[in-house]
Amino acid sequence: MGRETKETKENRKTRHKMVVVGPHVSIITLNVDGLNSPIKRHRVAGWIKEQDPTICCLQETHLSPKDKHRLRVKGWRTILQANNEQKKAGVAILISDKVDFKAKQIKKDKEGQYIMIKGTLHQEDITLINIYAPNTGAPKFVKQLLIELKEDINNNTIIVGDLNTPLTPMDRTSRQKINKEIIELNEKLDQMDLIDIYRTLHPKTAGYTFFSSGHGTFSRIDHILGTKANINKYKRVEIISSIFSDHNAIKLEVNYRKKQRKVQKCGD
């Protein structure tokens, strides 16, 4: 059989590496609380590079359609945005150059409250919806948006963003009961087989993403929602502090095991 050549050994190592890494995807979401200051943009870009997510979703960018060139991060060339003429709201999705992403369809809101992209990531279908819900009537807004996008939502959908809504009493320090609108939103999520990934993976942990100085309360109003069908793919979800915004970020790690097995067979 002879000894393994250096090249064969390297190829085997590379194949093994592909199997171990597989199509591992990390999605991060953060309300940045405005990006019109050049210093702030620089800090956010540095933070994104440090976190190194596959996909980065931002809310409240406050950029107008003319300003969208301002949101540039080296290594994340694919930037999709929905912006408002009045520099209010604003959402953006940045996709890393390291991944094979192909966009097939984009829906965006002229008010800059949401953007939806459908495409493939590592040949897997993905639908990503990034939402910034308004401060008033947020649960109603999110519920209505889910109804409008119902045809687009499937097992490969991940919904992220600042929903301005604590979904359970555990999601805020005041432990208030949740109101009728939030109950109705939860019912709609349930009907659509959507789950709050953080609460599903951390059923007893009260993690917070926002501090209200007016009320003196902490709450988790930023969320990552996924489908029950994909529960085994959601490997890890955590809250990450950010020092340049009044919100903290949430990071989700997704693993596509099926693809890993395919890669392994090719490498055998």
C-alpha atoms as a PDB file:
ATOM      1  CA  MET A   1       0.000   0.000   0.000  1.00  0.00           C
ATOM      2  CA  GLY A   2       2.977   2.294   0.617  1.00  0.00           C
ATOM      3  CA  ARG A   3       3.250   5.295   2.866  1.00  0.00           C
ATOM      4  CA  GLU A   4       0.753   8.147   2.689  1.00  0.00           C
ATOM      5  CA  THR A   5       2.137  11.050   0.659  1.00  0.00           C
ATOM      6  CA  LYS A   6       2.184  14.489   2.239  1.00  0.00           C
ATOM      7  CA  GLU A   7      -0.471  15.681  -0.226  1.00  0.00           C
ATOM      8  CA  THR A   8      -2.803  12.752   0.542  1.00  0.00           C
ATOM      9  CA  LYS A   9      -2.357  13.399   4.257  1.00  0.00           C
ATOM     10  CA  GLU A  10      -3.210  17.106   3.805  1.00  0.00           C
ATOM     11  CA  ASN A  11      -6.283  16.212   1.717  1.00  0.00           C
ATOM     12  CA  ARG A  12      -7.448  13.789   4.384  1.00  0.00           C
ATOM     13  CA  LYS A  13      -6.982  16.467   7.062  1.00  0.00           C
ATOM     14  CA  THR A  14      -8.964  18.977   4.993  1.00  0.00           C
ATOM     15  CA  ARG A  15     -11.778  16.477   4.442  1.00  0.00           C
ATOM     16  CA  HIS A  16     -11.857  15.707   8.148  1.00  0.00           C
ATOM     17  CA  LYS A  17     -11.974  19.415   8.925  1.00  0.00           C
ATOM     18  CA  MET A  18     -14.955  19.859   6.618  1.00  0.00           C
ATOM     19  CA  VAL A  19     -16.759  17.064   8.415  1.00  0.00           C
ATOM     20  CA  VAL A  20     -16.070  18.529  11.852  1.00  0.00           C
ATOM     21  CA  VAL A  21     -16.933  22.114  10.912  1.00  0.00           C
ATOM     22  CA  GLY A  22     -19.796  21.230   8.570  1.00  0.00           C
ATOM     23  CA  PRO A  23     -22.298  23.918   7.636  1.00  0.00           C
ATOM     24  CA  HIS A  24     -22.212  25.616  11.029  1.00  0.00           C
ATOM     25  CA  VAL A  25     -24.104  28.889  11.041  1.00  0.00           C
ATOM     26  CA  SER A  26     -24.247  31.595  13.709  1.00  0.00           C
ATOM     27  CA  ILE A  27     -26.871  34.323  13.635  1.00  0.00           C
ATOM     28  CA  ILE A  28     -26.603  37.422  15.773  1.00  0.00           C
ATOM     29  CA  THR A  29     -29.287  40.061  16.297  1.00  0.00           C
ATOM     30  CA  LEU A  30     -28.899  43.504  17.882  1.00  0.00           C
ATOM     31  CA  ASN A  31     -30.815  46.774  18.141  1.00  0.00           C
ATOM     32  CA  VAL A  32     -27.940  49.224  17.472  1.00  0.00           C
ATOM     33  CA  ASP A  33     -29.891  52.356  18.511  1.00  0.00           C
ATOM     34  CA  GLY A  34     -28.810  54.480  15.525  1.00  0.00           C
ATOM     35  CA  LEU A  35     -25.850  54.394  13.142  1.00  0.00           C
ATOM     36  CA  ASN A  36     -25.558  57.990  11.980  1.00  0.00           C
ATOM     37  CA  SER A  37     -22.407  58.689  13.978  1.00  0.00           C
ATOM     38  CA  PRO A  38     -19.199  57.591  12.162  1.00  0.00           C
ATOM     39  CA  ILE A  39     -17.625  56.629  15.524  1.00  0.00           C
ATOM     40  CA  LYS A  40     -20.622  54.428  16.350  1.00  0.00           C
ATOM     41  CA  ARG A  41     -20.471  52.752  12.909  1.00  0.00           C
ATOM     42  CA  HIS A  42     -16.774  52.067  13.422  1.00  0.00           C
ATOM     43  CA  ARG A  43     -17.450  50.493  16.831  1.00  0.00           C
ATOM     44  CA  VAL A  44     -20.316  48.375  15.497  1.00  0.00           C
ATOM     45  CA  ALA A  45     -18.161  47.182  12.574  1.00  0.00           C
ATOM     46  CA  GLY A  46     -15.396  46.233  15.040  1.00  0.00           C
ATOM     47  CA  TRP A  47     -17.910  44.388  17.240  1.00  0.00           C
ATOM     48  CA  ILE A  48     -19.273  42.430  14.244  1.00  0.00           C
ATOM     49  CA  LYS A  49     -15.724  41.384  13.259  1.00  0.00           C
ATOM     50  CA  GLU A  50     -15.024  40.312  16.836  1.00  0.00           C
ATOM     51  CA  GLN A  51     -18.246  38.250  17.107  1.00  0.00           C
ATOM     52  CA  ASP A  52     -17.688  36.878  13.583  1.00  0.00           C
ATOM     53  CA  PRO A  53     -21.257  35.686  12.911  1.00  0.00           C
ATOM     54  CA  THR A  54     -22.351  34.067   9.651  1.00  0.00           C
ATOM     55  CA  ILE A  55     -25.355  36.399   9.589  1.00  0.00           C
ATOM     56  CA  CYS A  56     -25.727  39.665  11.481  1.00  0.00           C
ATOM     57  CA  CYS A  57     -29.166  41.291  11.838  1.00  0.00           C
ATOM     58  CA  LEU A  58     -29.406  44.883  13.014  1.00  0.00           C
ATOM     59  CA  GLN A  59     -32.420  46.975  13.993  1.00  0.00           C
ATOM     60  CA  GLU A  60     -32.964  50.721  14.468  1.00  0.00           C
ATOM     61  CA  THR A  61     -30.146  51.658  12.092  1.00  0.00           C
ATOM     62  CA  HIS A  62     -31.812  55.093  11.504  1.00  0.00           C
ATOM     63  CA  LEU A  63     -30.287  55.217   8.005  1.00  0.00           C
ATOM     64  CA  SER A  64     -32.181  56.642   5.058  1.00  0.00           C
ATOM     65  CA  PRO A  65     -32.250  54.851   1.656  1.00  0.00           C
ATOM     66  CA  LYS A  66     -29.537  57.325   0.500  1.00  0.00           C
ATOM     67  CA  ASP A  67     -27.257  56.448   3.445  1.00  0.00           C
ATOM     68  CA  LYS A  68     -27.172  52.699   3.006  1.00  0.00           C
ATOM     69  CA  HIS A  69     -23.569  52.754   1.721  1.00  0.00           C
ATOM     70  CA  ARG A  70     -22.571  53.840   5.240  1.00  0.00           C
ATOM     71  CA  LEU A  71     -23.136  50.377   6.625  1.00  0.00           C
ATOM     72  CA  ARG A  72     -20.030  48.588   5.405  1.00  0.00           C
ATOM     73  CA  VAL A  73     -18.132  45.899   7.253  1.00  0.00           C
ATOM     74  CA  LYS A  74     -15.068  44.229   5.783  1.00  0.00           C
ATOM     75  CA  GLY A  75     -15.812  40.518   5.345  1.00  0.00           C
ATOM     76  CA  TRP A  76     -19.598  41.040   5.119  1.00  0.00           C
ATOM     77  CA  ARG A  77     -20.114  42.292   1.579  1.00  0.00           C
ATOM     78  CA  THR A  78     -23.739  41.142   1.273  1.00  0.00           C
ATOM     79  CA  ILE A  79     -25.782  43.833   3.020  1.00  0.00           C
ATOM     80  CA  LEU A  80     -29.564  43.953   2.606  1.00  0.00           C
ATOM     81  CA  GLN A  81     -31.499  46.817   4.150  1.00  0.00           C
ATOM     82  CA  ALA A  82     -34.944  48.324   4.600  1.00  0.00           C
ATOM     83  CA  ASN A  83     -34.742  52.009   5.436  1.00  0.00           C
ATOM     84  CA  ASN A  84     -37.164  54.831   6.171  1.00  0.00           C
ATOM     85  CA  GLU A  85     -36.965  58.243   4.410  1.00  0.00           C
ATOM     86  CA  GLN A  86     -37.225  59.982   7.817  1.00  0.00           C
ATOM     87  CA  LYS A  87     -34.238  58.081   9.277  1.00  0.00           C
ATOM     88  CA  LYS A  88     -36.516  56.228  11.702  1.00  0.00           C
ATOM     89  CA  ALA A  89     -36.510  52.484  12.373  1.00  0.00           C
ATOM     90  CA  GLY A  90     -34.340  50.735   9.734  1.00  0.00           C
ATOM     91  CA  VAL A  91     -33.231  47.101   9.609  1.00  0.00           C
ATOM     92  CA  ALA A  92     -30.253  45.403   7.969  1.00  0.00           C
ATOM     93  CA  ILE A  93     -28.982  41.875   7.329  1.00  0.00           C
ATOM     94  CA  LEU A  94     -25.248  41.327   6.762  1.00  0.00           C
ATOM     95  CA  ILE A  95     -24.026  37.982   5.428  1.00  0.00           C
ATOM     96  CA  SER A  96     -20.434  36.808   5.799  1.00  0.00           C
ATOM     97  CA  ASP A  97     -18.230  36.346   2.730  1.00  0.00           C
ATOM     98  CA  LYS A  98     -17.164  33.003   4.243  1.00  0.00           C
ATOM     99  CA  VAL A  99     -20.455  31.328   3.364  1.00  0.00           C
ATOM    100  CA  ASP A 100     -22.091  30.296   0.149  1.00  0.00           C
ATOM    101  CA  PHE A 101     -25.288  32.361   0.250  1.00  0.00           C
ATOM    102  CA  LYS A 102     -27.585  32.918  -2.709  1.00  0.00           C
ATOM    103  CA  ALA A 103     -30.573  35.255  -2.367  1.00  0.00           C
ATOM    104  CA  LYS A 104     -33.710  34.246  -4.240  1.00  0.00           C
ATOM    105  CA  GLN A 105     -36.321  36.678  -2.952  1.00  0.00           C
ATOM    106  CA  ILE A 106     -36.335  39.854  -0.853  1.00  0.00           C
ATOM    107  CA  LYS A 107     -39.332  41.596   0.712  1.00  0.00           C
ATOM    108  CA  LYS A 108     -38.836  44.878   2.504  1.00  0.00           C
ATOM    109  CA  ASP A 109     -40.959  47.474   4.196  1.00  0.00           C
ATOM    110  CA  LYS A 110     -40.761  51.146   3.129  1.00  0.00           C
ATOM    111  CA  GLU A 111     -41.081  52.175   6.768  1.00  0.00           C
ATOM    112  CA  GLY A 112     -37.936  50.184   7.628  1.00  0.00           C
ATOM    113  CA  GLN A 113     -39.783  47.935  10.114  1.00  0.00           C
ATOM    114  CA  TYR A 114     -38.825  44.595   8.551  1.00  0.00           C
ATOM    115  CA  ILE A 115     -36.915  42.811   5.815  1.00  0.00           C
ATOM    116  CA  MET A 116     -37.308  39.209   4.675  1.00  0.00           C
ATOM    117  CA  ILE A 117     -34.820  37.277   2.581  1.00  0.00           C
ATOM    118  CA  LYS A 118     -35.263  33.834   1.083  1.00  0.00           C
ATOM    119  CA  GLY A 119     -32.280  32.001  -0.315  1.00  0.00           C
ATOM    120  CA  THR A 120     -29.866  29.142   0.157  1.00  0.00           C
ATOM    121  CA  LEU A 121     -27.050  28.901   2.675  1.00  0.00           C
ATOM    122  CA  HIS A 122     -24.682  25.953   2.159  1.00  0.00           C
ATOM    123  CA  GLN A 123     -27.292  24.645  -0.338  1.00  0.00           C
ATOM    124  CA  GLU A 124     -29.888  24.576   2.477  1.00  0.00           C
ATOM    125  CA  ASP A 125     -33.026  26.688   2.041  1.00  0.00           C
ATOM    126  CA  ILE A 126     -33.289  29.527   4.547  1.00  0.00           C
ATOM    127  CA  THR A 127     -35.875  32.249   5.136  1.00  0.00           C
ATOM    128  CA  LEU A 128     -34.743  35.024   7.424  1.00  0.00           C
ATOM    129  CA  ILE A 129     -37.031  37.759   8.740  1.00  0.00           C
ATOM    130  CA  ASN A 130     -35.546  40.707  10.630  1.00  0.00           C
ATOM    131  CA  ILE A 131     -38.110  42.820  12.507  1.00  0.00           C
ATOM    132  CA  TYR A 132     -38.070  46.115  14.367  1.00  0.00           C
ATOM    133  CA  ALA A 133     -41.494  46.432  15.975  1.00  0.00           C
ATOM    134  CA  PRO A 134     -42.737  49.943  16.866  1.00  0.00           C
ATOM    135  CA  ASN A 135     -42.780  51.007  20.528  1.00  0.00           C
ATOM    136  CA  THR A 136     -46.571  51.161  20.649  1.00  0.00           C
ATOM    137  CA  GLY A 137     -48.756  48.242  19.652  1.00  0.00           C
ATOM    138  CA  ALA A 138     -45.750  45.956  19.140  1.00  0.00           C
ATOM    139  CA  PRO A 139     -47.437  42.554  19.806  1.00  0.00           C
ATOM    140  CA  LYS A 140     -50.274  43.471  17.409  1.00  0.00           C
ATOM    141  CA  PHE A 141     -47.765  44.620  14.767  1.00  0.00           C
ATOM    142  CA  VAL A 142     -45.749  41.367  15.006  1.00  0.00           C
ATOM    143  CA  LYS A 143     -48.898  39.215  14.896  1.00  0.00           C
ATOM    144  CA  GLN A 144     -50.188  41.085  11.823  1.00  0.00           C
ATOM    145  CA  LEU A 145     -46.803  40.771  10.091  1.00  0.00           C
ATOM    146  CA  LEU A 146     -46.750  37.012  10.730  1.00  0.00           C
ATOM    147  CA  ILE A 147     -50.213  36.755   9.152  1.00  0.00           C
ATOM    148  CA  GLU A 148     -49.056  38.776   6.117  1.00  0.00           C
ATOM    149  CA  LEU A 149     -45.910  36.656   5.669  1.00  0.00           C
ATOM    150  CA  LYS A 150     -47.635  33.354   6.484  1.00  0.00           C
ATOM    151  CA  GLU A 151     -47.114  31.950   2.966  1.00  0.00           C
ATOM    152  CA  ASP A 152     -43.374  32.674   3.206  1.00  0.00           C
ATOM    153  CA  ILE A 153     -42.884  31.074   6.629  1.00  0.00           C
ATOM    154  CA  ASN A 154     -41.819  27.427   6.530  1.00  0.00           C
ATOM    155  CA  ASN A 155     -39.632  24.946   8.451  1.00  0.00           C
ATOM    156  CA  ASN A 156     -36.456  26.770   7.360  1.00  0.00           C
ATOM    157  CA  THR A 157     -37.565  30.147   8.727  1.00  0.00           C
ATOM    158  CA  ILE A 158     -35.742  32.051  11.446  1.00  0.00           C
ATOM    159  CA  ILE A 159     -37.287  35.283  12.727  1.00  0.00           C
ATOM    160  CA  VAL A 160     -35.102  37.715  14.636  1.00  0.00           C
ATOM    161  CA  GLY A 161     -35.250  41.215  15.953  1.00  0.00           C
ATOM    162  CA  ASP A 162     -36.445  43.741  18.464  1.00  0.00           C
ATOM    163  CA  LEU A 163     -40.078  42.714  18.874  1.00  0.00           C
ATOM    164  CA  ASN A 164     -40.504  45.268  21.702  1.00  0.00           C
ATOM    165  CA  THR A 165     -42.440  42.531  23.511  1.00  0.00           C
ATOM    166  CA  PRO A 166     -41.591  40.282  26.476  1.00  0.00           C
ATOM    167  CA  LEU A 167     -43.282  36.991  25.532  1.00  0.00           C
ATOM    168  CA  THR A 168     -43.548  35.528  29.059  1.00  0.00           C
ATOM    169  CA  PRO A 169     -43.681  36.955  32.624  1.00  0.00           C
ATOM    170  CA  MET A 170     -40.138  35.555  33.099  1.00  0.00           C
ATOM    171  CA  ASP A 171     -38.945  37.960  30.398  1.00  0.00           C
ATOM    172  CA  ARG A 172     -39.127  41.005  32.651  1.00  0.00           C
ATOM    173  CA  THR A 173     -38.050  41.841  36.188  1.00  0.00           C
ATOM    174  CA  SER A 174     -41.400  43.363  37.130  1.00  0.00           C
ATOM    175  CA  ARG A 175     -43.005  39.907  36.560  1.00  0.00           C
ATOM    176  CA  GLN A 176     -46.196  41.582  35.358  1.00  0.00           C
ATOM    177  CA  LYS A 177     -48.835  39.381  33.843  1.00  0.00           C
ATOM    178  CA  ILE A 178     -48.733  39.423  30.077  1.00  0.00           C
ATOM    179  CA  ASN A 179     -51.568  41.333  28.424  1.00  0.00           C
ATOM    180  CA  LYS A 180     -54.200  40.211  25.920  1.00  0.00           C
ATOM    181  CA  GLU A 181     -52.159  41.294  22.857  1.00  0.00           C
ATOM    182  CA  ILE A 182     -49.139  39.252  23.996  1.00  0.00           C
ATOM    183  CA  ILE A 183     -51.353  36.229  24.689  1.00  0.00           C
ATOM    184  CA  GLU A 184     -52.782  36.531  21.160  1.00  0.00           C
ATOM    185  CA  LEU A 185     -49.276  36.837  19.683  1.00  0.00           C
ATOM    186  CA  ASN A 186     -48.178  33.698  21.569  1.00  0.00           C
ATOM    187  CA  GLU A 187     -51.252  31.877  20.261  1.00  0.00           C
ATOM    188  CA  LYS A 188     -50.340  32.893  16.700  1.00  0.00           C
ATOM    189  CA  LEU A 189     -46.731  31.689  17.199  1.00  0.00           C
ATOM    190  CA  ASP A 190     -48.090  28.394  18.486  1.00  0.00           C
ATOM    191  CA  GLN A 191     -50.456  28.010  15.523  1.00  0.00           C
ATOM    192  CA  MET A 192     -47.530  28.555  13.158  1.00  0.00           C
ATOM    193  CA  ASP A 193     -45.309  26.062  15.054  1.00  0.00           C
ATOM    194  CA  LEU A 194     -42.872  28.861  15.940  1.00  0.00           C
ATOM    195  CA  ILE A 195     -40.887  28.781  19.173  1.00  0.00           C
ATOM    196  CA  ASP A 196     -38.884  31.287  21.200  1.00  0.00           C
ATOM    197  CA  ILE A 197     -35.487  29.560  20.918  1.00  0.00           C
ATOM    198  CA  TYR A 198     -33.951  31.234  23.983  1.00  0.00           C
ATOM    199  CA  ARG A 199     -36.869  30.247  26.236  1.00  0.00           C
ATOM    200  CA  THR A 200     -36.919  26.714  24.762  1.00  0.00           C
ATOM    201  CA  LEU A 201     -33.200  26.136  25.432  1.00  0.00           C
ATOM    202  CA  HIS A 202     -33.191  28.094  28.734  1.00  0.00           C
ATOM    203  CA  PRO A 203     -36.594  27.347  30.304  1.00  0.00           C
ATOM    204  CA  LYS A 204     -35.576  28.578  33.764  1.00  0.00           C
ATOM    205  CA  THR A 205     -33.104  31.363  32.967  1.00  0.00           C
ATOM    206  CA  ALA A 206     -34.324  34.947  33.129  1.00  0.00           C
ATOM    207  CA  GLY A 207     -31.980  36.538  30.589  1.00  0.00           C
ATOM    208  CA  TYR A 208     -32.555  40.183  29.645  1.00  0.00           C
ATOM    209  CA  THR A 209     -31.674  42.245  26.582  1.00  0.00           C
ATOM    210  CA  PHE A 210     -32.960  45.696  27.496  1.00  0.00           C
ATOM    211  CA  PHE A 211     -32.940  48.065  30.487  1.00  0.00           C
ATOM    212  CA  SER A 212     -35.668  50.681  30.707  1.00  0.00           C
ATOM    213  CA  SER A 213     -34.337  53.625  32.717  1.00  0.00           C
ATOM    214  CA  GLY A 214     -37.851  55.138  32.822  1.00  0.00           C
ATOM    215  CA  HIS A 215     -39.350  52.064  34.497  1.00  0.00           C
ATOM    216  CA  GLY A 216     -36.168  50.779  36.165  1.00  0.00           C
ATOM    217  CA  THR A 217     -36.866  47.310  34.737  1.00  0.00           C
ATOM    218  CA  PHE A 218     -34.920  44.765  32.722  1.00  0.00           C
ATOM    219  CA  SER A 219     -36.683  42.775  30.006  1.00  0.00           C
ATOM    220  CA  ARG A 220     -36.077  40.468  27.070  1.00  0.00           C
ATOM    221  CA  ILE A 221     -37.823  42.148  24.167  1.00  0.00           C
ATOM    222  CA  ASP A 222     -35.308  41.005  21.531  1.00  0.00           C
ATOM    223  CA  HIS A 223     -35.909  37.496  20.257  1.00  0.00           C
ATOM    224  CA  ILE A 224     -34.887  34.731  17.874  1.00  0.00           C
ATOM    225  CA  LEU A 225     -37.795  32.541  16.821  1.00  0.00           C
ATOM    226  CA  GLY A 226     -37.533  29.281  14.927  1.00  0.00           C
ATOM    227  CA  THR A 227     -39.687  26.316  13.996  1.00  0.00           C
ATOM    228  CA  LYS A 228     -40.412  23.310  16.206  1.00  0.00           C
ATOM    229  CA  ALA A 229     -39.356  21.043  13.320  1.00  0.00           C
ATOM    230  CA  ASN A 230     -35.782  22.337  13.548  1.00  0.00           C
ATOM    231  CA  ILE A 231     -35.409  22.218  17.322  1.00  0.00           C
ATOM    232  CA  ASN A 232     -32.505  19.731  17.121  1.00  0.00           C
ATOM    233  CA  LYS A 233     -30.539  22.083  14.854  1.00  0.00           C
ATOM    234  CA  TYR A 234     -30.499  24.923  17.389  1.00  0.00           C
ATOM    235  CA  LYS A 235     -27.298  24.116  19.246  1.00  0.00           C
ATOM    236  CA  ARG A 236     -26.788  27.132  21.461  1.00  0.00           C
ATOM    237  CA  VAL A 237     -28.318  30.529  22.126  1.00  0.00           C
ATOM    238  CA  GLU A 238     -26.863  33.231  24.371  1.00  0.00           C
ATOM    239  CA  ILE A 239     -27.240  36.888  25.279  1.00  0.00           C
ATOM    240  CA  ILE A 240     -24.137  38.966  24.505  1.00  0.00           C
ATOM    241  CA  SER A 241     -23.550  42.385  26.025  1.00  0.00           C
ATOM    242  CA  SER A 242     -22.875  45.380  23.808  1.00  0.00           C
ATOM    243  CA  ILE A 243     -21.504  48.632  25.169  1.00  0.00           C
ATOM    244  CA  PHE A 244     -22.614  50.964  22.353  1.00  0.00           C
ATOM    245  CA  SER A 245     -26.380  50.317  22.525  1.00  0.00           C
ATOM    246  CA  ASP A 246     -29.120  50.227  25.175  1.00  0.00           C
ATOM    247  CA  HIS A 247     -29.829  46.646  24.025  1.00  0.00           C
ATOM    248  CA  ASN A 248     -27.832  43.440  24.302  1.00  0.00           C
ATOM    249  CA  ALA A 249     -27.442  41.047  21.405  1.00  0.00           C
ATOM    250  CA  ILE A 250     -28.650  37.465  21.041  1.00  0.00           C
ATOM    251  CA  LYS A 251     -26.537  34.884  19.247  1.00  0.00           C
ATOM    252  CA  LEU A 252     -27.829  31.574  17.908  1.00  0.00           C
ATOM    253  CA  GLU A 253     -25.708  28.685  16.641  1.00  0.00           C
ATOM    254  CA  VAL A 254     -27.360  26.380  14.134  1.00  0.00           C
ATOM    255  CA  ASN A 255     -25.977  23.053  12.988  1.00  0.00           C
ATOM    256  CA  TYR A 256     -27.061  21.284   9.812  1.00  0.00           C
ATOM    257  CA  ARG A 257     -26.190  17.678  10.692  1.00  0.00           C
ATOM    258  CA  LYS A 258     -27.672  16.099   7.574  1.00  0.00           C
ATOM    259  CA  LYS A 259     -25.223  17.937   5.380  1.00  0.00           C
ATOM    260  CA  GLN A 260     -22.331  16.876   7.602  1.00  0.00           C
ATOM    261  CA  ARG A 261     -23.078  13.210   7.004  1.00  0.00           C
ATOM    262  CA  LYS A 262     -23.116  13.805   3.246  1.00  0.00           C
ATOM    263  CA  VAL A 263     -19.734  15.526   3.394  1.00  0.00           C
ATOM    264  CA  GLN A 264     -18.356  12.676   5.488  1.00  0.00           C
ATOM    265  CA  LYS A 265     -19.438  10.077   2.915  1.00  0.00           C
ATOM    266  CA  CYS A 266     -17.710  12.031   0.156  1.00  0.00           C
ATOM    267  CA  GLY A 267     -14.546  12.097   2.210  1.00  0.00           C
ATOM    268  CA  ASP A 268     -14.511   8.386   3.085  1.00  0.00           C
END
